[in-house]
């Protein structure tokens, strides 16, 4: 890992070659198979989702520009032994650290901002949590909706589908530019798998490492080392009517 970091730093310090000499490679961000993530709904006979991005800040939101590819795994014949490394990146957090996924199905609920006004009142009623016998820390008594959002709603971290996280804005609906259907979340690229206020979402197998700090210099809350902002997420959306319609993305 240290050798890779030193080699990358050397290439970045050297600066980029002329464009005609070496085009900027898109970097692999995620590769998911339908056999591992049945929630994926690819077009046609595709069974593989590949997400890549350009490690530069792109207008208007100054973030990496993602590209989404649906493929058939059987058609992939020339497999690279190692992914291309960039000779330049606007930020080291735009260069993912390769890692192996262990997909896990979970149950999450929508953010309180996605609830109807009636349900929002329910989750904000402390007496209801007490009557239900929920094991809720008394510090949430004045703001019980914070317990709901931190421990039950929109799971943090990288995820396929699910409920979108909202941090900077209220829910911001996305609509397909082709058919105007309301788009649905495809993939959340998270800067962190959890934070200090959401330890309840830490996987059981990572809790010992989480309590111990950073094993071998790598935080268990950030296995990919990807950062799209100090606490932000990149949400990728697709059209439910046709995955072949252009995707869109949003930073929150």
C-alpha atoms as a PDB file:
ATOM      1  CA  UNK A   1       0.000   0.000   0.000  1.00  0.00           C
ATOM      2  CA  UNK A   2       2.870   2.366   0.878  1.00  0.00           C
ATOM      3  CA  UNK A   3       4.575   1.641  -2.441  1.00  0.00           C
ATOM      4  CA  UNK A   4       1.353   2.349  -4.308  1.00  0.00           C
ATOM      5  CA  UNK A   5       0.857   5.633  -2.431  1.00  0.00           C
ATOM      6  CA  UNK A   6       4.462   6.693  -3.136  1.00  0.00           C
ATOM      7  CA  UNK A   7       4.126   5.815  -6.836  1.00  0.00           C
ATOM      8  CA  UNK A   8       0.869   7.757  -7.103  1.00  0.00           C
ATOM      9  CA  UNK A   9       2.379  10.773  -5.302  1.00  0.00           C
ATOM     10  CA  UNK A  10       5.346  10.721  -7.693  1.00  0.00           C
ATOM     11  CA  UNK A  11       3.037  10.669 -10.721  1.00  0.00           C
ATOM     12  CA  UNK A  12       0.924  13.505  -9.350  1.00  0.00           C
ATOM     13  CA  UNK A  13       3.999  15.636  -8.603  1.00  0.00           C
ATOM     14  CA  UNK A  14       5.272  15.086 -12.128  1.00  0.00           C
ATOM     15  CA  UNK A  15       2.119  16.678 -13.536  1.00  0.00           C
ATOM     16  CA  UNK A  16      -0.005  15.489 -16.432  1.00  0.00           C
ATOM     17  CA  UNK A  17       1.406  14.757 -19.886  1.00  0.00           C
ATOM     18  CA  UNK A  18      -0.054  16.436 -22.921  1.00  0.00           C
ATOM     19  CA  UNK A  19      -3.624  15.204 -23.629  1.00  0.00           C
ATOM     20  CA  UNK A  20      -2.653  13.683 -26.962  1.00  0.00           C
ATOM     21  CA  UNK A  21       0.008  11.613 -25.222  1.00  0.00           C
ATOM     22  CA  UNK A  22      -2.148  10.110 -22.493  1.00  0.00           C
ATOM     23  CA  UNK A  23      -5.906  10.636 -22.038  1.00  0.00           C
ATOM     24  CA  UNK A  24      -7.250  10.728 -18.488  1.00  0.00           C
ATOM     25  CA  UNK A  25      -8.496   7.238 -17.513  1.00  0.00           C
ATOM     26  CA  UNK A  26     -11.814   6.857 -15.735  1.00  0.00           C
ATOM     27  CA  UNK A  27     -11.269   5.234 -12.357  1.00  0.00           C
ATOM     28  CA  UNK A  28     -13.302   2.216 -11.201  1.00  0.00           C
ATOM     29  CA  UNK A  29     -15.590   3.120  -8.299  1.00  0.00           C
ATOM     30  CA  UNK A  30     -17.870   0.075  -7.964  1.00  0.00           C
ATOM     31  CA  UNK A  31     -18.462  -3.237  -9.746  1.00  0.00           C
ATOM     32  CA  UNK A  32     -21.596  -5.111  -8.724  1.00  0.00           C
ATOM     33  CA  UNK A  33     -23.032  -8.400  -9.964  1.00  0.00           C
ATOM     34  CA  UNK A  34     -26.751  -9.145  -9.957  1.00  0.00           C
ATOM     35  CA  UNK A  35     -25.998 -12.524  -8.376  1.00  0.00           C
ATOM     36  CA  UNK A  36     -24.652 -10.680  -5.317  1.00  0.00           C
ATOM     37  CA  UNK A  37     -27.053  -7.723  -5.324  1.00  0.00           C
ATOM     38  CA  UNK A  38     -30.469  -8.884  -6.597  1.00  0.00           C
ATOM     39  CA  UNK A  39     -31.871  -5.399  -5.995  1.00  0.00           C
ATOM     40  CA  UNK A  40     -30.144  -4.276  -9.194  1.00  0.00           C
ATOM     41  CA  UNK A  41     -32.514  -4.191 -12.168  1.00  0.00           C
ATOM     42  CA  UNK A  42     -30.293  -4.054 -15.251  1.00  0.00           C
ATOM     43  CA  UNK A  43     -31.584  -3.653 -18.784  1.00  0.00           C
ATOM     44  CA  UNK A  44     -31.877  -6.642 -21.115  1.00  0.00           C
ATOM     45  CA  UNK A  45     -29.587  -9.536 -20.262  1.00  0.00           C
ATOM     46  CA  UNK A  46     -27.003  -7.441 -18.444  1.00  0.00           C
ATOM     47  CA  UNK A  47     -25.913  -8.829 -15.075  1.00  0.00           C
ATOM     48  CA  UNK A  48     -23.098  -6.477 -14.180  1.00  0.00           C
ATOM     49  CA  UNK A  49     -23.039  -2.831 -13.100  1.00  0.00           C
ATOM     50  CA  UNK A  50     -19.821  -0.851 -13.400  1.00  0.00           C
ATOM     51  CA  UNK A  51     -19.515   2.697 -12.059  1.00  0.00           C
ATOM     52  CA  UNK A  52     -16.475   4.777 -12.936  1.00  0.00           C
ATOM     53  CA  UNK A  53     -15.623   8.446 -12.595  1.00  0.00           C
ATOM     54  CA  UNK A  54     -13.186  11.112 -13.694  1.00  0.00           C
ATOM     55  CA  UNK A  55     -11.066  12.213 -10.695  1.00  0.00           C
ATOM     56  CA  UNK A  56     -11.454  15.928 -11.439  1.00  0.00           C
ATOM     57  CA  UNK A  57     -13.873  18.492 -10.075  1.00  0.00           C
ATOM     58  CA  UNK A  58     -16.577  19.111 -12.653  1.00  0.00           C
ATOM     59  CA  UNK A  59     -19.034  21.983 -12.806  1.00  0.00           C
ATOM     60  CA  UNK A  60     -21.585  22.916 -11.617  1.00  0.00           C
ATOM     61  CA  UNK A  61     -21.166  21.117  -8.269  1.00  0.00           C
ATOM     62  CA  UNK A  62     -17.394  20.623  -8.431  1.00  0.00           C
ATOM     63  CA  UNK A  63     -17.379  16.872  -7.968  1.00  0.00           C
ATOM     64  CA  UNK A  64     -16.112  13.826  -9.896  1.00  0.00           C
ATOM     65  CA  UNK A  65     -18.113  13.044 -13.036  1.00  0.00           C
ATOM     66  CA  UNK A  66     -19.526   9.496 -12.765  1.00  0.00           C
ATOM     67  CA  UNK A  67     -20.258   7.130 -15.649  1.00  0.00           C
ATOM     68  CA  UNK A  68     -22.641   4.158 -15.359  1.00  0.00           C
ATOM     69  CA  UNK A  69     -22.252   1.016 -17.489  1.00  0.00           C
ATOM     70  CA  UNK A  70     -24.554  -2.027 -17.592  1.00  0.00           C
ATOM     71  CA  UNK A  71     -22.796  -5.059 -19.057  1.00  0.00           C
ATOM     72  CA  UNK A  72     -23.003  -8.804 -19.443  1.00  0.00           C
ATOM     73  CA  UNK A  73     -20.256 -10.452 -17.380  1.00  0.00           C
ATOM     74  CA  UNK A  74     -19.894 -13.143 -20.047  1.00  0.00           C
ATOM     75  CA  UNK A  75     -18.957 -10.494 -22.624  1.00  0.00           C
ATOM     76  CA  UNK A  76     -16.041  -9.171 -20.561  1.00  0.00           C
ATOM     77  CA  UNK A  77     -13.066 -11.048 -21.975  1.00  0.00           C
ATOM     78  CA  UNK A  78     -10.083  -8.711 -21.610  1.00  0.00           C
ATOM     79  CA  UNK A  79      -9.880  -8.179 -17.860  1.00  0.00           C
ATOM     80  CA  UNK A  80      -7.208  -5.774 -16.575  1.00  0.00           C
ATOM     81  CA  UNK A  81      -5.013  -7.256 -13.874  1.00  0.00           C
ATOM     82  CA  UNK A  82      -4.787  -3.838 -12.216  1.00  0.00           C
ATOM     83  CA  UNK A  83      -6.974  -0.770 -12.815  1.00  0.00           C
ATOM     84  CA  UNK A  84      -5.375   2.306 -14.412  1.00  0.00           C
ATOM     85  CA  UNK A  85      -3.875   4.833 -12.019  1.00  0.00           C
ATOM     86  CA  UNK A  86      -4.398   8.554 -12.559  1.00  0.00           C
ATOM     87  CA  UNK A  87      -1.479  10.873 -13.226  1.00  0.00           C
ATOM     88  CA  UNK A  88      -3.497  13.697 -11.752  1.00  0.00           C
ATOM     89  CA  UNK A  89      -6.497  14.089  -9.429  1.00  0.00           C
ATOM     90  CA  UNK A  90      -8.030  17.156  -7.859  1.00  0.00           C
ATOM     91  CA  UNK A  91      -8.196  15.394  -4.501  1.00  0.00           C
ATOM     92  CA  UNK A  92      -6.764  12.178  -3.096  1.00  0.00           C
ATOM     93  CA  UNK A  93     -10.272  11.171  -1.944  1.00  0.00           C
ATOM     94  CA  UNK A  94     -11.252  10.814  -5.599  1.00  0.00           C
ATOM     95  CA  UNK A  95      -8.874   7.839  -5.990  1.00  0.00           C
ATOM     96  CA  UNK A  96     -10.622   4.752  -4.523  1.00  0.00           C
ATOM     97  CA  UNK A  97      -8.664   2.180  -2.563  1.00  0.00           C
ATOM     98  CA  UNK A  98      -9.458  -1.268  -4.076  1.00  0.00           C
ATOM     99  CA  UNK A  99     -11.409  -3.480  -1.708  1.00  0.00           C
ATOM    100  CA  UNK A 100     -13.718  -6.494  -1.785  1.00  0.00           C
ATOM    101  CA  UNK A 101     -17.415  -6.078  -1.020  1.00  0.00           C
ATOM    102  CA  UNK A 102     -19.495  -8.191   1.337  1.00  0.00           C
ATOM    103  CA  UNK A 103     -23.087  -7.231   0.358  1.00  0.00           C
ATOM    104  CA  UNK A 104     -25.633  -7.393   3.148  1.00  0.00           C
ATOM    105  CA  UNK A 105     -29.386  -6.792   2.999  1.00  0.00           C
ATOM    106  CA  UNK A 106     -30.653  -4.453   5.708  1.00  0.00           C
ATOM    107  CA  UNK A 107     -33.919  -2.795   6.722  1.00  0.00           C
ATOM    108  CA  UNK A 108     -33.976   0.983   6.872  1.00  0.00           C
ATOM    109  CA  UNK A 109     -36.708   3.593   7.012  1.00  0.00           C
ATOM    110  CA  UNK A 110     -37.044   6.905   5.181  1.00  0.00           C
ATOM    111  CA  UNK A 111     -35.523  10.051   6.605  1.00  0.00           C
ATOM    112  CA  UNK A 112     -38.020  12.049   8.660  1.00  0.00           C
ATOM    113  CA  UNK A 113     -37.964  14.665   5.889  1.00  0.00           C
ATOM    114  CA  UNK A 114     -39.413  12.018   3.551  1.00  0.00           C
ATOM    115  CA  UNK A 115     -42.315  11.260   5.901  1.00  0.00           C
ATOM    116  CA  UNK A 116     -45.776  12.766   5.705  1.00  0.00           C
ATOM    117  CA  UNK A 117     -46.506  15.571   8.211  1.00  0.00           C
ATOM    118  CA  UNK A 118     -48.630  13.106  10.211  1.00  0.00           C
ATOM    119  CA  UNK A 119     -45.881  10.488  10.503  1.00  0.00           C
ATOM    120  CA  UNK A 120     -43.337  13.187  11.272  1.00  0.00           C
ATOM    121  CA  UNK A 121     -45.387  14.117  14.335  1.00  0.00           C
ATOM    122  CA  UNK A 122     -45.507  10.472  15.398  1.00  0.00           C
ATOM    123  CA  UNK A 123     -41.719   9.932  15.341  1.00  0.00           C
ATOM    124  CA  UNK A 124     -41.284  13.268  17.097  1.00  0.00           C
ATOM    125  CA  UNK A 125     -43.553  12.267  19.995  1.00  0.00           C
ATOM    126  CA  UNK A 126     -41.407  11.144  22.925  1.00  0.00           C
ATOM    127  CA  UNK A 127     -44.357   9.586  24.758  1.00  0.00           C
ATOM    128  CA  UNK A 128     -44.889   7.145  21.869  1.00  0.00           C
ATOM    129  CA  UNK A 129     -41.297   5.901  22.109  1.00  0.00           C
ATOM    130  CA  UNK A 130     -41.732   5.392  25.850  1.00  0.00           C
ATOM    131  CA  UNK A 131     -45.055   3.595  25.428  1.00  0.00           C
ATOM    132  CA  UNK A 132     -43.495   1.284  22.833  1.00  0.00           C
ATOM    133  CA  UNK A 133     -40.841   0.265  25.344  1.00  0.00           C
ATOM    134  CA  UNK A 134     -38.081   1.289  22.949  1.00  0.00           C
ATOM    135  CA  UNK A 135     -34.588   1.330  24.417  1.00  0.00           C
ATOM    136  CA  UNK A 136     -34.040   5.006  23.686  1.00  0.00           C
ATOM    137  CA  UNK A 137     -31.395   7.121  25.391  1.00  0.00           C
ATOM    138  CA  UNK A 138     -33.064   9.774  27.526  1.00  0.00           C
ATOM    139  CA  UNK A 139     -30.897  12.422  25.878  1.00  0.00           C
ATOM    140  CA  UNK A 140     -33.279  12.209  22.909  1.00  0.00           C
ATOM    141  CA  UNK A 141     -36.277  13.246  25.035  1.00  0.00           C
ATOM    142  CA  UNK A 142     -36.337  16.800  23.680  1.00  0.00           C
ATOM    143  CA  UNK A 143     -35.707  15.760  20.075  1.00  0.00           C
ATOM    144  CA  UNK A 144     -36.900  12.146  19.590  1.00  0.00           C
ATOM    145  CA  UNK A 145     -36.924  12.535  15.799  1.00  0.00           C
ATOM    146  CA  UNK A 146     -33.118  12.685  15.994  1.00  0.00           C
ATOM    147  CA  UNK A 147     -33.109   9.167  17.450  1.00  0.00           C
ATOM    148  CA  UNK A 148     -35.247   7.989  14.537  1.00  0.00           C
ATOM    149  CA  UNK A 149     -33.021   9.628  11.919  1.00  0.00           C
ATOM    150  CA  UNK A 150     -29.766   8.451  13.514  1.00  0.00           C
ATOM    151  CA  UNK A 151     -30.685   4.858  14.362  1.00  0.00           C
ATOM    152  CA  UNK A 152     -33.515   3.745  12.073  1.00  0.00           C
ATOM    153  CA  UNK A 153     -33.621   5.932   8.980  1.00  0.00           C
ATOM    154  CA  UNK A 154     -31.564   5.974   5.772  1.00  0.00           C
ATOM    155  CA  UNK A 155     -28.603   3.764   6.643  1.00  0.00           C
ATOM    156  CA  UNK A 156     -25.261   5.513   6.157  1.00  0.00           C
ATOM    157  CA  UNK A 157     -22.449   4.255   3.979  1.00  0.00           C
ATOM    158  CA  UNK A 158     -22.253   2.799   0.489  1.00  0.00           C
ATOM    159  CA  UNK A 159     -25.513   1.168  -0.534  1.00  0.00           C
ATOM    160  CA  UNK A 160     -27.594   0.097  -3.504  1.00  0.00           C
ATOM    161  CA  UNK A 161     -31.118   1.473  -3.640  1.00  0.00           C
ATOM    162  CA  UNK A 162     -32.662   2.245  -0.292  1.00  0.00           C
ATOM    163  CA  UNK A 163     -33.705   5.642   0.970  1.00  0.00           C
ATOM    164  CA  UNK A 164     -31.568   8.628  -0.019  1.00  0.00           C
ATOM    165  CA  UNK A 165     -29.757  10.558   2.709  1.00  0.00           C
ATOM    166  CA  UNK A 166     -30.513  14.264   3.051  1.00  0.00           C
ATOM    167  CA  UNK A 167     -28.087  16.645   4.683  1.00  0.00           C
ATOM    168  CA  UNK A 168     -27.756  19.868   2.776  1.00  0.00           C
ATOM    169  CA  UNK A 169     -31.333  20.234   1.570  1.00  0.00           C
ATOM    170  CA  UNK A 170     -34.840  18.947   2.016  1.00  0.00           C
ATOM    171  CA  UNK A 171     -35.730  15.983  -0.258  1.00  0.00           C
ATOM    172  CA  UNK A 172     -34.835  16.964  -3.804  1.00  0.00           C
ATOM    173  CA  UNK A 173     -36.688  14.894  -6.384  1.00  0.00           C
ATOM    174  CA  UNK A 174     -34.905  13.994  -9.609  1.00  0.00           C
ATOM    175  CA  UNK A 175     -36.760  13.502 -12.885  1.00  0.00           C
ATOM    176  CA  UNK A 176     -35.701  11.698 -16.048  1.00  0.00           C
ATOM    177  CA  UNK A 177     -34.729  14.066 -18.841  1.00  0.00           C
ATOM    178  CA  UNK A 178     -36.187  11.662 -21.421  1.00  0.00           C
ATOM    179  CA  UNK A 179     -39.558  10.545 -20.035  1.00  0.00           C
ATOM    180  CA  UNK A 180     -39.915  12.782 -16.937  1.00  0.00           C
ATOM    181  CA  UNK A 181     -40.431   9.799 -14.600  1.00  0.00           C
ATOM    182  CA  UNK A 182     -39.293  10.366 -11.031  1.00  0.00           C
ATOM    183  CA  UNK A 183     -35.873   8.758 -10.766  1.00  0.00           C
ATOM    184  CA  UNK A 184     -34.946   6.231  -8.072  1.00  0.00           C
ATOM    185  CA  UNK A 185     -31.695   5.771  -6.122  1.00  0.00           C
ATOM    186  CA  UNK A 186     -29.239   3.365  -7.724  1.00  0.00           C
ATOM    187  CA  UNK A 187     -26.080   3.748  -5.667  1.00  0.00           C
ATOM    188  CA  UNK A 188     -24.893   5.915  -2.794  1.00  0.00           C
ATOM    189  CA  UNK A 189     -21.132   6.571  -2.775  1.00  0.00           C
ATOM    190  CA  UNK A 190     -20.404   7.578   0.802  1.00  0.00           C
ATOM    191  CA  UNK A 191     -17.451   9.408   2.260  1.00  0.00           C
ATOM    192  CA  UNK A 192     -17.870   7.413   5.483  1.00  0.00           C
ATOM    193  CA  UNK A 193     -19.684   4.219   6.454  1.00  0.00           C
ATOM    194  CA  UNK A 194     -20.730   5.778   9.756  1.00  0.00           C
ATOM    195  CA  UNK A 195     -19.843   8.672  12.043  1.00  0.00           C
ATOM    196  CA  UNK A 196     -19.772   9.356  15.770  1.00  0.00           C
ATOM    197  CA  UNK A 197     -23.546   9.855  15.935  1.00  0.00           C
ATOM    198  CA  UNK A 198     -24.423   6.685  14.008  1.00  0.00           C
ATOM    199  CA  UNK A 199     -22.390   3.904  15.624  1.00  0.00           C
ATOM    200  CA  UNK A 200     -25.522   1.742  15.714  1.00  0.00           C
ATOM    201  CA  UNK A 201     -25.034   1.101  11.992  1.00  0.00           C
ATOM    202  CA  UNK A 202     -21.514  -0.299  12.416  1.00  0.00           C
ATOM    203  CA  UNK A 203     -21.502  -3.954  11.224  1.00  0.00           C
ATOM    204  CA  UNK A 204     -20.947  -6.426  14.056  1.00  0.00           C
ATOM    205  CA  UNK A 205     -17.756  -7.716  12.444  1.00  0.00           C
ATOM    206  CA  UNK A 206     -16.304  -4.164  12.381  1.00  0.00           C
ATOM    207  CA  UNK A 207     -17.194  -3.062  15.906  1.00  0.00           C
ATOM    208  CA  UNK A 208     -14.002  -4.300  17.513  1.00  0.00           C
ATOM    209  CA  UNK A 209     -11.911  -2.500  14.890  1.00  0.00           C
ATOM    210  CA  UNK A 210     -14.074   0.594  15.290  1.00  0.00           C
ATOM    211  CA  UNK A 211     -13.474   0.630  19.040  1.00  0.00           C
ATOM    212  CA  UNK A 212      -9.735   0.062  18.569  1.00  0.00           C
ATOM    213  CA  UNK A 213      -9.290   2.972  16.184  1.00  0.00           C
ATOM    214  CA  UNK A 214      -7.511   2.717  12.842  1.00  0.00           C
ATOM    215  CA  UNK A 215      -5.908  -0.685  12.240  1.00  0.00           C
ATOM    216  CA  UNK A 216      -2.829  -0.414  10.017  1.00  0.00           C
ATOM    217  CA  UNK A 217      -3.612   3.248   9.420  1.00  0.00           C
ATOM    218  CA  UNK A 218      -6.916   2.536   7.667  1.00  0.00           C
ATOM    219  CA  UNK A 219     -10.194   3.597   9.249  1.00  0.00           C
ATOM    220  CA  UNK A 220     -12.833   0.826   9.306  1.00  0.00           C
ATOM    221  CA  UNK A 221     -15.364   3.575   8.601  1.00  0.00           C
ATOM    222  CA  UNK A 222     -13.612   4.440   5.352  1.00  0.00           C
ATOM    223  CA  UNK A 223     -12.375   1.229   3.654  1.00  0.00           C
ATOM    224  CA  UNK A 224     -12.387   2.767   0.168  1.00  0.00           C
ATOM    225  CA  UNK A 225     -10.756   6.057   1.263  1.00  0.00           C
ATOM    226  CA  UNK A 226     -13.222   7.822  -1.003  1.00  0.00           C
ATOM    227  CA  UNK A 227     -14.310  11.299   0.063  1.00  0.00           C
ATOM    228  CA  UNK A 228     -16.719  13.422  -1.960  1.00  0.00           C
ATOM    229  CA  UNK A 229     -16.836  16.046   0.790  1.00  0.00           C
ATOM    230  CA  UNK A 230     -16.148  16.177   4.515  1.00  0.00           C
ATOM    231  CA  UNK A 231     -19.362  14.261   5.317  1.00  0.00           C
ATOM    232  CA  UNK A 232     -21.068  14.148   1.936  1.00  0.00           C
ATOM    233  CA  UNK A 233     -22.495  11.384  -0.228  1.00  0.00           C
ATOM    234  CA  UNK A 234     -22.795  11.120  -3.996  1.00  0.00           C
ATOM    235  CA  UNK A 235     -26.208   9.724  -4.909  1.00  0.00           C
ATOM    236  CA  UNK A 236     -26.642   8.153  -8.346  1.00  0.00           C
ATOM    237  CA  UNK A 237     -30.194   7.953  -9.720  1.00  0.00           C
ATOM    238  CA  UNK A 238     -31.645   6.013 -12.653  1.00  0.00           C
ATOM    239  CA  UNK A 239     -34.947   6.073 -14.482  1.00  0.00           C
ATOM    240  CA  UNK A 240     -37.323   3.293 -13.300  1.00  0.00           C
ATOM    241  CA  UNK A 241     -38.921   3.166 -16.757  1.00  0.00           C
ATOM    242  CA  UNK A 242     -35.638   2.434 -18.526  1.00  0.00           C
ATOM    243  CA  UNK A 243     -32.146   1.994 -17.000  1.00  0.00           C
ATOM    244  CA  UNK A 244     -30.822   2.981 -20.427  1.00  0.00           C
ATOM    245  CA  UNK A 245     -32.076   6.549 -19.989  1.00  0.00           C
ATOM    246  CA  UNK A 246     -29.350   8.939 -18.768  1.00  0.00           C
ATOM    247  CA  UNK A 247     -28.559   8.705 -15.069  1.00  0.00           C
ATOM    248  CA  UNK A 248     -28.195  11.710 -12.815  1.00  0.00           C
ATOM    249  CA  UNK A 249     -26.286  12.374  -9.610  1.00  0.00           C
ATOM    250  CA  UNK A 250     -26.539  14.576  -6.555  1.00  0.00           C
ATOM    251  CA  UNK A 251     -24.170  15.532  -3.736  1.00  0.00           C
ATOM    252  CA  UNK A 252     -25.711  15.640  -0.258  1.00  0.00           C
END
